[in-house]
Amino acid sequence: MAAVLEAAADMERAGLIAKKTLRDYEALCAAPPQYTAADVARIRRRLHASQGFFARSLNVSPSAVQQWESGAKRPSGPAARLLAVVDKHGLEVLE
């Protein structure tokens, strides 16, 4: 990721890409967000989704959502990124 960011920064300095594009690359390379049990429950409830529907929408098991909301586990990697997208844009973006 560091190499990608360095190349993008070089391209921006050379005028080959816009500053906004560089910021987009930086956002993509950033560490996935950290979600607490309360965060996951808040997102799901705001979207008026049952745990089962929320799990199907995220392509995870219902037990994963239950574990996230109980604090037994935290969403990580792709699941955390997908939660960030759903939190910002809603479940409609996954359709």
N, C-alpha and C. Protein backbone atom coordinates (compact mmCIF):
# COMPACT_ATOMS: atom_id res chain seq x y z
N MET A 1 0.81 -1.19 0.00
CA MET A 1 0.00 0.00 0.00
C MET A 1 0.86 1.26 0.00
N ALA A 2 1.96 1.18 0.70
CA ALA A 2 2.85 2.35 0.75
C ALA A 2 3.36 2.69 -0.65
N ALA A 3 3.66 1.67 -1.44
CA ALA A 3 4.16 1.90 -2.80
C ALA A 3 3.08 2.54 -3.67
N VAL A 4 1.86 2.11 -3.50
CA VAL A 4 0.74 2.68 -4.26
C VAL A 4 0.58 4.15 -3.90
N LEU A 5 0.60 4.44 -2.61
CA LEU A 5 0.45 5.83 -2.18
C LEU A 5 1.61 6.71 -2.67
N GLU A 6 2.81 6.17 -2.63
CA GLU A 6 3.96 6.93 -3.11
C GLU A 6 3.84 7.22 -4.60
N ALA A 7 3.43 6.22 -5.36
CA ALA A 7 3.26 6.42 -6.80
C ALA A 7 2.15 7.45 -7.08
N ALA A 8 1.06 7.36 -6.35
CA ALA A 8 -0.04 8.32 -6.53
C ALA A 8 0.41 9.73 -6.17
N ALA A 9 1.18 9.87 -5.10
CA ALA A 9 1.69 11.19 -4.72
C ALA A 9 2.61 11.75 -5.79
N ASP A 10 3.46 10.90 -6.36
CA ASP A 10 4.34 11.33 -7.46
C ASP A 10 3.52 11.78 -8.67
N MET A 11 2.47 11.03 -8.96
CA MET A 11 1.61 11.38 -10.10
C MET A 11 0.89 12.71 -9.86
N GLU A 12 0.48 12.96 -8.63
CA GLU A 12 -0.19 14.22 -8.30
C GLU A 12 0.79 15.38 -8.44
N ARG A 13 2.01 15.19 -7.95
CA ARG A 13 3.03 16.24 -8.05
C ARG A 13 3.37 16.54 -9.51
N ALA A 14 3.30 15.51 -10.35
CA ALA A 14 3.60 15.70 -11.77
C ALA A 14 2.41 16.24 -12.55
N GLY A 15 1.28 16.39 -11.86
CA GLY A 15 0.09 16.92 -12.54
C GLY A 15 -0.69 15.88 -13.33
N LEU A 16 -0.41 14.60 -13.11
CA LEU A 16 -1.08 13.54 -13.86
C LEU A 16 -2.42 13.14 -13.24
N ILE A 17 -2.58 13.36 -11.95
CA ILE A 17 -3.85 13.11 -11.29
C ILE A 17 -4.18 14.30 -10.40
N ALA A 18 -5.45 14.45 -10.11
CA ALA A 18 -5.91 15.57 -9.28
C ALA A 18 -5.66 15.28 -7.80
N LYS A 19 -5.64 16.35 -7.00
CA LYS A 19 -5.46 16.23 -5.55
C LYS A 19 -6.57 15.36 -4.96
N LYS A 20 -7.80 15.50 -5.48
CA LYS A 20 -8.92 14.70 -4.99
C LYS A 20 -8.68 13.22 -5.24
N THR A 21 -8.14 12.88 -6.38
CA THR A 21 -7.83 11.48 -6.69
C THR A 21 -6.80 10.94 -5.72
N LEU A 22 -5.82 11.75 -5.38
CA LEU A 22 -4.81 11.34 -4.39
C LEU A 22 -5.48 11.07 -3.05
N ARG A 23 -6.41 11.94 -2.64
CA ARG A 23 -7.13 11.73 -1.38
C ARG A 23 -7.95 10.44 -1.43
N ASP A 24 -8.53 10.14 -2.60
CA ASP A 24 -9.27 8.88 -2.76
C ASP A 24 -8.36 7.68 -2.56
N TYR A 25 -7.16 7.73 -3.12
CA TYR A 25 -6.18 6.65 -2.93
C TYR A 25 -5.82 6.53 -1.45
N GLU A 26 -5.60 7.66 -0.79
CA GLU A 26 -5.25 7.64 0.62
C GLU A 26 -6.35 7.00 1.46
N ALA A 27 -7.59 7.31 1.13
CA ALA A 27 -8.72 6.73 1.87
C ALA A 27 -8.81 5.22 1.66
N LEU A 28 -8.54 4.78 0.44
CA LEU A 28 -8.60 3.34 0.15
C LEU A 28 -7.49 2.57 0.87
N CYS A 29 -6.36 3.21 1.05
CA CYS A 29 -5.22 2.54 1.67
C CYS A 29 -5.23 2.63 3.19
N ALA A 30 -6.13 3.41 3.75
CA ALA A 30 -6.18 3.57 5.21
C ALA A 30 -6.63 2.27 5.87
N ALA A 31 -6.29 2.14 7.13
CA ALA A 31 -6.69 0.95 7.89
C ALA A 31 -8.22 0.92 7.99
N PRO A 32 -8.79 -0.29 8.02
CA PRO A 32 -10.25 -0.37 8.14
C PRO A 32 -10.71 0.22 9.46
N PRO A 33 -11.92 0.79 9.47
CA PRO A 33 -12.42 1.39 10.71
C PRO A 33 -12.66 0.32 11.77
N GLN A 34 -12.63 0.74 13.02
CA GLN A 34 -12.90 -0.15 14.15
C GLN A 34 -14.33 0.08 14.61
N TYR A 35 -15.11 -0.98 14.73
CA TYR A 35 -16.49 -0.87 15.18
C TYR A 35 -16.68 -1.60 16.49
N THR A 36 -17.34 -0.95 17.43
CA THR A 36 -17.69 -1.57 18.70
C THR A 36 -19.03 -2.28 18.54
N ALA A 37 -19.39 -3.04 19.55
CA ALA A 37 -20.68 -3.72 19.55
C ALA A 37 -21.81 -2.69 19.42
N ALA A 38 -21.70 -1.60 20.14
CA ALA A 38 -22.74 -0.56 20.08
C ALA A 38 -22.82 0.07 18.69
N ASP A 39 -21.67 0.24 18.02
CA ASP A 39 -21.65 0.80 16.67
C ASP A 39 -22.42 -0.08 15.70
N VAL A 40 -22.15 -1.39 15.75
CA VAL A 40 -22.79 -2.32 14.83
C VAL A 40 -24.30 -2.32 15.07
N ALA A 41 -24.70 -2.39 16.33
CA ALA A 41 -26.13 -2.38 16.66
C ALA A 41 -26.79 -1.07 16.22
N ARG A 42 -26.10 0.05 16.41
CA ARG A 42 -26.64 1.35 16.00
C ARG A 42 -26.86 1.40 14.49
N ILE A 43 -25.89 0.92 13.73
CA ILE A 43 -26.01 0.93 12.27
C ILE A 43 -27.19 0.06 11.85
N ARG A 44 -27.27 -1.14 12.38
CA ARG A 44 -28.34 -2.06 12.00
C ARG A 44 -29.71 -1.50 12.36
N ARG A 45 -29.83 -0.96 13.55
CA ARG A 45 -31.13 -0.42 13.98
C ARG A 45 -31.52 0.81 13.17
N ARG A 46 -30.54 1.66 12.85
CA ARG A 46 -30.84 2.85 12.04
C ARG A 46 -31.36 2.46 10.68
N LEU A 47 -30.89 1.32 10.17
CA LEU A 47 -31.33 0.83 8.86
C LEU A 47 -32.61 0.00 8.96
N HIS A 48 -33.13 -0.16 10.17
CA HIS A 48 -34.36 -0.93 10.41
C HIS A 48 -34.25 -2.34 9.85
N ALA A 49 -33.12 -2.99 10.12
CA ALA A 49 -32.87 -4.35 9.62
C ALA A 49 -32.78 -5.32 10.79
N SER A 50 -33.37 -6.50 10.60
CA SER A 50 -33.19 -7.57 11.58
C SER A 50 -31.75 -8.06 11.49
N GLN A 51 -31.31 -8.80 12.51
CA GLN A 51 -29.95 -9.35 12.45
C GLN A 51 -29.80 -10.29 11.26
N GLY A 52 -30.82 -11.09 10.99
CA GLY A 52 -30.75 -12.03 9.86
C GLY A 52 -30.65 -11.31 8.53
N PHE A 53 -31.50 -10.30 8.32
CA PHE A 53 -31.46 -9.55 7.07
C PHE A 53 -30.15 -8.80 6.92
N PHE A 54 -29.69 -8.21 8.00
CA PHE A 54 -28.42 -7.47 7.99
C PHE A 54 -27.28 -8.42 7.62
N ALA A 55 -27.28 -9.61 8.21
CA ALA A 55 -26.24 -10.61 7.92
C ALA A 55 -26.27 -11.01 6.45
N ARG A 56 -27.47 -11.30 5.92
CA ARG A 56 -27.57 -11.68 4.50
C ARG A 56 -27.08 -10.55 3.61
N SER A 57 -27.43 -9.32 3.95
CA SER A 57 -27.02 -8.17 3.14
C SER A 57 -25.50 -8.01 3.11
N LEU A 58 -24.85 -8.32 4.24
CA LEU A 58 -23.39 -8.20 4.33
C LEU A 58 -22.66 -9.47 3.91
N ASN A 59 -23.45 -10.52 3.59
CA ASN A 59 -22.89 -11.82 3.21
C ASN A 59 -22.05 -12.43 4.34
N VAL A 60 -22.59 -12.32 5.55
CA VAL A 60 -21.98 -12.97 6.71
C VAL A 60 -23.06 -13.79 7.41
N SER A 61 -22.67 -14.61 8.34
CA SER A 61 -23.64 -15.44 9.04
C SER A 61 -24.37 -14.60 10.09
N PRO A 62 -25.61 -15.00 10.40
CA PRO A 62 -26.32 -14.30 11.48
C PRO A 62 -25.55 -14.37 12.80
N SER A 63 -24.83 -15.47 13.03
CA SER A 63 -24.07 -15.56 14.28
C SER A 63 -22.93 -14.53 14.30
N ALA A 64 -22.38 -14.18 13.14
CA ALA A 64 -21.34 -13.14 13.10
C ALA A 64 -21.90 -11.82 13.59
N VAL A 65 -23.09 -11.45 13.10
CA VAL A 65 -23.72 -10.20 13.53
C VAL A 65 -24.02 -10.26 15.02
N GLN A 66 -24.52 -11.40 15.50
CA GLN A 66 -24.81 -11.55 16.93
C GLN A 66 -23.53 -11.38 17.76
N GLN A 67 -22.43 -11.98 17.29
CA GLN A 67 -21.16 -11.87 18.02
C GLN A 67 -20.64 -10.43 18.00
N TRP A 68 -20.80 -9.75 16.87
CA TRP A 68 -20.37 -8.36 16.80
C TRP A 68 -21.16 -7.51 17.78
N GLU A 69 -22.49 -7.73 17.81
CA GLU A 69 -23.34 -6.90 18.66
C GLU A 69 -23.20 -7.25 20.14
N SER A 70 -22.78 -8.45 20.44
CA SER A 70 -22.59 -8.82 21.85
C SER A 70 -21.20 -8.44 22.34
N GLY A 71 -20.31 -8.09 21.42
CA GLY A 71 -18.95 -7.74 21.79
C GLY A 71 -18.01 -8.93 21.85
N ALA A 72 -18.51 -10.13 21.50
CA ALA A 72 -17.66 -11.32 21.53
C ALA A 72 -16.58 -11.24 20.45
N LYS A 73 -16.91 -10.62 19.33
CA LYS A 73 -15.96 -10.42 18.23
C LYS A 73 -16.19 -9.04 17.64
N ARG A 74 -15.20 -8.58 16.88
CA ARG A 74 -15.32 -7.31 16.17
C ARG A 74 -15.21 -7.56 14.68
N PRO A 75 -15.98 -6.84 13.88
CA PRO A 75 -15.80 -6.96 12.43
C PRO A 75 -14.43 -6.44 12.05
N SER A 76 -13.77 -7.16 11.15
CA SER A 76 -12.43 -6.73 10.74
C SER A 76 -12.30 -6.84 9.23
N GLY A 77 -11.27 -6.24 8.69
CA GLY A 77 -10.97 -6.33 7.27
C GLY A 77 -12.13 -5.95 6.38
N PRO A 78 -12.48 -6.84 5.43
CA PRO A 78 -13.55 -6.53 4.48
C PRO A 78 -14.89 -6.25 5.15
N ALA A 79 -15.20 -6.96 6.23
CA ALA A 79 -16.48 -6.74 6.92
C ALA A 79 -16.54 -5.33 7.50
N ALA A 80 -15.44 -4.86 8.06
CA ALA A 80 -15.40 -3.51 8.63
C ALA A 80 -15.53 -2.46 7.52
N ARG A 81 -14.87 -2.70 6.40
CA ARG A 81 -14.98 -1.77 5.26
C ARG A 81 -16.42 -1.73 4.75
N LEU A 82 -17.04 -2.90 4.63
CA LEU A 82 -18.42 -2.97 4.15
C LEU A 82 -19.36 -2.27 5.12
N LEU A 83 -19.13 -2.43 6.41
CA LEU A 83 -19.94 -1.71 7.40
C LEU A 83 -19.79 -0.20 7.23
N ALA A 84 -18.60 0.26 6.93
CA ALA A 84 -18.38 1.69 6.73
C ALA A 84 -19.19 2.19 5.53
N VAL A 85 -19.21 1.41 4.46
CA VAL A 85 -19.98 1.79 3.27
C VAL A 85 -21.47 1.81 3.59
N VAL A 86 -21.95 0.76 4.26
CA VAL A 86 -23.36 0.68 4.62
C VAL A 86 -23.74 1.79 5.60
N ASP A 87 -22.86 2.11 6.52
CA ASP A 87 -23.12 3.18 7.48
C ASP A 87 -23.27 4.51 6.75
N LYS A 88 -22.47 4.73 5.75
CA LYS A 88 -22.50 5.99 5.02
C LYS A 88 -23.61 6.06 3.98
N HIS A 89 -23.86 4.94 3.26
CA HIS A 89 -24.75 4.98 2.11
C HIS A 89 -26.02 4.14 2.25
N GLY A 90 -26.12 3.34 3.29
CA GLY A 90 -27.30 2.49 3.47
C GLY A 90 -27.17 1.16 2.77
N LEU A 91 -28.11 0.28 3.03
CA LEU A 91 -28.08 -1.06 2.43
C LEU A 91 -28.37 -1.04 0.94
N GLU A 92 -29.03 0.00 0.47
CA GLU A 92 -29.39 0.10 -0.96
C GLU A 92 -28.16 0.01 -1.85
N VAL A 93 -27.03 0.48 -1.36
CA VAL A 93 -25.81 0.48 -2.16
C VAL A 93 -25.35 -0.94 -2.49
N LEU A 94 -25.80 -1.93 -1.72
CA LEU A 94 -25.40 -3.31 -1.94
C LEU A 94 -26.29 -4.04 -2.94
N GLU A 95 -27.38 -3.42 -3.33
CA GLU A 95 -28.32 -4.10 -4.24
C GLU A 95 -27.83 -4.14 -5.65
